[in-house]
Amino acid sequence: MEFYDLKSRSKVDIGDGDMTKKKMVRKTKTGEQVRYALMGNYQGRVLYKFVNEKTYNDTNVKEVS
């Protein structure tokens, strides 16, 4: 999967073995907001990529809380 590395300002490819996924829920005045993120380890740093729910569910990687 392709991530954007802010430090090097370039796109990097990260394999499924170095990725995890996380569902972030927060309460707002009007209800709940749900964000779906994929996290990839690249050169000792964690890169985040926010995705939609379909991509989140289709990705077969370990889910962290």
N, C-alpha and C. Protein backbone atom coordinates (compact mmCIF):
# COMPACT_ATOMS: atom_id res chain seq x y z
N MET A 1 0.85 -1.17 0.00
CA MET A 1 0.00 0.00 0.00
C MET A 1 0.90 1.24 0.00
N GLU A 2 0.45 2.27 -0.63
CA GLU A 2 1.25 3.48 -0.76
C GLU A 2 0.90 4.47 0.35
N PHE A 3 1.92 4.94 1.06
CA PHE A 3 1.78 5.93 2.12
C PHE A 3 2.59 7.16 1.72
N TYR A 4 2.30 8.30 2.33
CA TYR A 4 3.08 9.50 2.11
C TYR A 4 3.91 9.77 3.36
N ASP A 5 5.21 9.87 3.20
CA ASP A 5 6.13 10.13 4.31
C ASP A 5 6.37 11.64 4.40
N LEU A 6 5.89 12.24 5.48
CA LEU A 6 6.02 13.69 5.64
C LEU A 6 7.47 14.12 5.84
N LYS A 7 8.26 13.29 6.48
CA LYS A 7 9.65 13.67 6.76
C LYS A 7 10.47 13.76 5.48
N SER A 8 10.33 12.76 4.61
CA SER A 8 11.11 12.78 3.37
C SER A 8 10.33 13.40 2.21
N ARG A 9 9.06 13.73 2.45
CA ARG A 9 8.18 14.32 1.44
C ARG A 9 8.13 13.49 0.17
N SER A 10 7.90 12.19 0.36
CA SER A 10 7.82 11.29 -0.77
C SER A 10 6.82 10.17 -0.47
N LYS A 11 6.39 9.51 -1.52
CA LYS A 11 5.50 8.37 -1.38
C LYS A 11 6.35 7.11 -1.21
N VAL A 12 5.92 6.24 -0.30
CA VAL A 12 6.63 4.99 -0.04
C VAL A 12 5.64 3.83 -0.08
N ASP A 13 6.12 2.67 -0.49
CA ASP A 13 5.30 1.47 -0.51
C ASP A 13 5.61 0.65 0.73
N ILE A 14 4.55 0.24 1.43
CA ILE A 14 4.70 -0.56 2.65
C ILE A 14 3.92 -1.85 2.46
N GLY A 15 4.54 -2.96 2.75
CA GLY A 15 3.90 -4.26 2.60
C GLY A 15 2.93 -4.55 3.72
N ASP A 16 2.07 -5.55 3.51
CA ASP A 16 1.06 -5.91 4.51
C ASP A 16 1.67 -6.37 5.83
N GLY A 17 2.87 -6.92 5.80
CA GLY A 17 3.51 -7.39 7.02
C GLY A 17 3.90 -6.27 7.96
N ASP A 18 4.06 -5.05 7.44
CA ASP A 18 4.45 -3.91 8.26
C ASP A 18 3.28 -2.96 8.54
N MET A 19 2.05 -3.44 8.29
CA MET A 19 0.89 -2.57 8.47
C MET A 19 -0.04 -3.11 9.55
N THR A 20 -0.74 -2.19 10.20
CA THR A 20 -1.83 -2.51 11.10
C THR A 20 -2.97 -1.55 10.78
N LYS A 21 -4.14 -1.82 11.35
CA LYS A 21 -5.26 -0.90 11.13
C LYS A 21 -5.90 -0.55 12.46
N LYS A 22 -6.51 0.65 12.49
CA LYS A 22 -7.07 1.15 13.73
C LYS A 22 -8.35 1.93 13.44
N LYS A 23 -9.36 1.68 14.24
CA LYS A 23 -10.63 2.40 14.13
C LYS A 23 -10.67 3.40 15.28
N MET A 24 -10.82 4.67 14.95
CA MET A 24 -10.82 5.74 15.96
C MET A 24 -12.22 6.33 16.07
N VAL A 25 -12.78 6.30 17.27
CA VAL A 25 -14.12 6.82 17.51
C VAL A 25 -14.02 7.93 18.54
N ARG A 26 -14.67 9.05 18.25
CA ARG A 26 -14.71 10.13 19.24
C ARG A 26 -16.12 10.70 19.29
N LYS A 27 -16.47 11.20 20.45
CA LYS A 27 -17.79 11.77 20.63
C LYS A 27 -17.75 13.26 20.31
N THR A 28 -18.78 13.71 19.60
CA THR A 28 -18.93 15.12 19.27
C THR A 28 -20.27 15.59 19.83
N LYS A 29 -20.57 16.86 19.66
CA LYS A 29 -21.85 17.39 20.13
C LYS A 29 -23.03 16.69 19.49
N THR A 30 -22.89 16.34 18.22
CA THR A 30 -24.01 15.78 17.47
C THR A 30 -23.99 14.26 17.39
N GLY A 31 -23.06 13.59 18.01
CA GLY A 31 -23.01 12.13 17.96
C GLY A 31 -21.59 11.62 18.01
N GLU A 32 -21.30 10.62 17.19
CA GLU A 32 -19.96 10.04 17.14
C GLU A 32 -19.34 10.24 15.77
N GLN A 33 -18.03 10.40 15.77
CA GLN A 33 -17.27 10.47 14.53
C GLN A 33 -16.35 9.26 14.49
N VAL A 34 -16.39 8.55 13.39
CA VAL A 34 -15.56 7.35 13.22
C VAL A 34 -14.56 7.62 12.11
N ARG A 35 -13.28 7.36 12.39
CA ARG A 35 -12.23 7.49 11.38
C ARG A 35 -11.51 6.15 11.29
N TYR A 36 -11.15 5.79 10.07
CA TYR A 36 -10.47 4.53 9.82
C TYR A 36 -9.07 4.84 9.32
N ALA A 37 -8.07 4.22 9.94
CA ALA A 37 -6.69 4.51 9.57
C ALA A 37 -5.89 3.22 9.41
N LEU A 38 -4.99 3.26 8.45
CA LEU A 38 -3.98 2.22 8.29
C LEU A 38 -2.66 2.80 8.78
N MET A 39 -1.91 2.02 9.52
CA MET A 39 -0.64 2.49 10.06
C MET A 39 0.47 1.59 9.52
N GLY A 40 1.50 2.20 8.98
CA GLY A 40 2.60 1.44 8.44
C GLY A 40 3.92 1.83 9.10
N ASN A 41 4.76 0.85 9.35
CA ASN A 41 6.09 1.11 9.91
C ASN A 41 7.07 1.27 8.78
N TYR A 42 7.78 2.41 8.77
CA TYR A 42 8.76 2.69 7.72
C TYR A 42 9.97 3.36 8.34
N GLN A 43 11.10 2.70 8.31
CA GLN A 43 12.37 3.20 8.84
C GLN A 43 12.23 3.70 10.27
N GLY A 44 11.52 2.93 11.10
CA GLY A 44 11.37 3.26 12.52
C GLY A 44 10.31 4.30 12.82
N ARG A 45 9.59 4.75 11.82
CA ARG A 45 8.53 5.73 12.02
C ARG A 45 7.18 5.09 11.69
N VAL A 46 6.12 5.62 12.29
CA VAL A 46 4.77 5.15 12.00
C VAL A 46 4.11 6.16 11.07
N LEU A 47 3.66 5.67 9.92
CA LEU A 47 2.97 6.52 8.95
C LEU A 47 1.49 6.18 8.98
N TYR A 48 0.64 7.18 8.91
CA TYR A 48 -0.79 7.00 8.94
C TYR A 48 -1.39 7.29 7.57
N LYS A 49 -2.42 6.53 7.23
CA LYS A 49 -3.18 6.78 6.01
C LYS A 49 -4.64 6.59 6.36
N PHE A 50 -5.42 7.66 6.25
CA PHE A 50 -6.84 7.58 6.54
C PHE A 50 -7.57 7.08 5.30
N VAL A 51 -8.44 6.08 5.50
CA VAL A 51 -9.14 5.43 4.40
C VAL A 51 -10.63 5.37 4.71
N ASN A 52 -11.41 4.97 3.71
CA ASN A 52 -12.84 4.81 3.94
C ASN A 52 -13.12 3.45 4.57
N GLU A 53 -14.37 3.24 4.96
CA GLU A 53 -14.74 2.03 5.68
C GLU A 53 -14.57 0.77 4.82
N LYS A 54 -14.87 0.86 3.54
CA LYS A 54 -14.74 -0.30 2.65
C LYS A 54 -13.28 -0.74 2.54
N THR A 55 -12.38 0.20 2.33
CA THR A 55 -10.95 -0.13 2.24
C THR A 55 -10.46 -0.71 3.56
N TYR A 56 -10.92 -0.13 4.66
CA TYR A 56 -10.55 -0.61 6.00
C TYR A 56 -10.96 -2.07 6.18
N ASN A 57 -12.19 -2.39 5.81
CA ASN A 57 -12.69 -3.76 5.98
C ASN A 57 -12.04 -4.73 5.01
N ASP A 58 -11.68 -4.28 3.82
CA ASP A 58 -11.07 -5.16 2.81
C ASP A 58 -9.60 -5.45 3.08
N THR A 59 -8.94 -4.65 3.89
CA THR A 59 -7.52 -4.84 4.18
C THR A 59 -7.36 -5.93 5.23
N ASN A 60 -6.61 -6.96 4.89
CA ASN A 60 -6.41 -8.10 5.79
C ASN A 60 -5.12 -7.95 6.58
N VAL A 61 -5.13 -7.05 7.56
CA VAL A 61 -3.98 -6.88 8.45
C VAL A 61 -4.52 -6.87 9.89
N LYS A 62 -3.61 -6.94 10.85
CA LYS A 62 -3.98 -6.99 12.26
C LYS A 62 -4.60 -5.67 12.70
N GLU A 63 -5.66 -5.75 13.49
CA GLU A 63 -6.32 -4.57 14.02
C GLU A 63 -5.83 -4.31 15.44
N VAL A 64 -5.47 -3.06 15.71
CA VAL A 64 -5.03 -2.67 17.05
C VAL A 64 -6.06 -1.74 17.65
N SER A 65 -6.04 -1.65 18.96
CA SER A 65 -7.03 -0.78 19.62
C SER A 65 -6.43 0.52 20.06
